[in-house]
Amino acid sequence: MANFCYPVVLLLTSFAVLAIGLMFKVLHWPGGWLITGSMFMVQAISIVWLIILLVRPSKKP
């Protein structure tokens, strides 16, 4: 069984920070674009990480 804990926690955390970034954009505060864009990249990286863990064969002793 692959360790899915780290990418799933990263994905869920990025959703929370993305919500903060969207709030910044709605309120027209500085940094909204930066937070939103970086969290989209973090989500893409964590999804690719999860796909790699699912596709890669597990090592059994």
Protein backbone atom coordinates (compact mmCIF):
# COMPACT_ATOMS: atom_id res chain seq x y z
CA MET A 1 0.00 0.00 0.00
CA ALA A 2 1.43 3.32 -1.05
CA ASN A 3 1.65 6.23 1.38
CA PHE A 4 -1.10 8.62 0.28
CA CYS A 5 -0.99 10.77 3.40
CA TYR A 6 1.37 13.53 2.24
CA PRO A 7 -0.19 14.34 -1.15
CA VAL A 8 -3.74 14.23 0.25
CA VAL A 9 -2.84 16.57 3.12
CA LEU A 10 -1.08 18.86 0.65
CA LEU A 11 -4.17 18.89 -1.59
CA LEU A 12 -6.57 19.64 1.26
CA THR A 13 -4.33 22.37 2.65
CA SER A 14 -4.05 23.96 -0.77
CA PHE A 15 -7.87 24.05 -1.01
CA ALA A 16 -8.01 25.96 2.28
CA VAL A 17 -5.33 28.45 1.21
CA LEU A 18 -6.99 28.77 -2.20
CA ALA A 19 -10.18 29.87 -0.44
CA ILE A 20 -8.16 32.54 1.35
CA GLY A 21 -6.66 33.66 -1.96
CA LEU A 22 -10.10 33.89 -3.54
CA MET A 23 -11.29 35.95 -0.59
CA PHE A 24 -8.34 38.29 -1.19
CA LYS A 25 -9.38 38.64 -4.83
CA VAL A 26 -13.01 39.36 -3.99
CA LEU A 27 -12.03 41.99 -1.42
CA HIS A 28 -9.45 43.48 -3.85
CA TRP A 29 -6.61 43.06 -1.39
CA PRO A 30 -3.04 42.79 -2.73
CA GLY A 31 -1.64 39.31 -3.23
CA GLY A 32 -4.83 37.58 -4.34
CA TRP A 33 -3.47 36.64 -7.76
CA LEU A 34 -0.24 35.33 -6.23
CA ILE A 35 -1.97 33.15 -3.63
CA THR A 36 -4.55 31.82 -6.09
CA GLY A 37 -2.03 31.03 -8.82
CA SER A 38 0.44 29.37 -6.50
CA MET A 39 -2.26 27.20 -4.93
CA PHE A 40 -3.44 26.04 -8.36
CA MET A 41 0.15 24.95 -9.04
CA VAL A 42 0.37 23.17 -5.67
CA GLN A 43 -2.89 21.35 -6.40
CA ALA A 44 -1.60 20.25 -9.80
CA ILE A 45 1.62 18.95 -8.25
CA SER A 46 -0.24 17.03 -5.54
CA ILE A 47 -2.62 15.48 -8.09
CA VAL A 48 0.31 14.37 -10.26
CA TRP A 49 1.98 12.97 -7.14
CA LEU A 50 -1.17 10.96 -6.34
CA ILE A 51 -1.40 9.66 -9.90
CA ILE A 52 2.24 8.54 -9.75
CA LEU A 53 1.59 6.72 -6.47
CA LEU A 54 -1.44 4.97 -7.98
CA VAL A 55 0.24 3.92 -11.22
CA ARG A 56 3.60 2.87 -9.80
CA PRO A 57 3.65 -0.78 -8.77
CA SER A 58 4.05 -1.32 -5.03
CA LYS A 59 7.18 -3.00 -3.70
CA LYS A 60 6.41 -6.23 -1.86
CA PRO A 61 9.08 -8.12 0.07
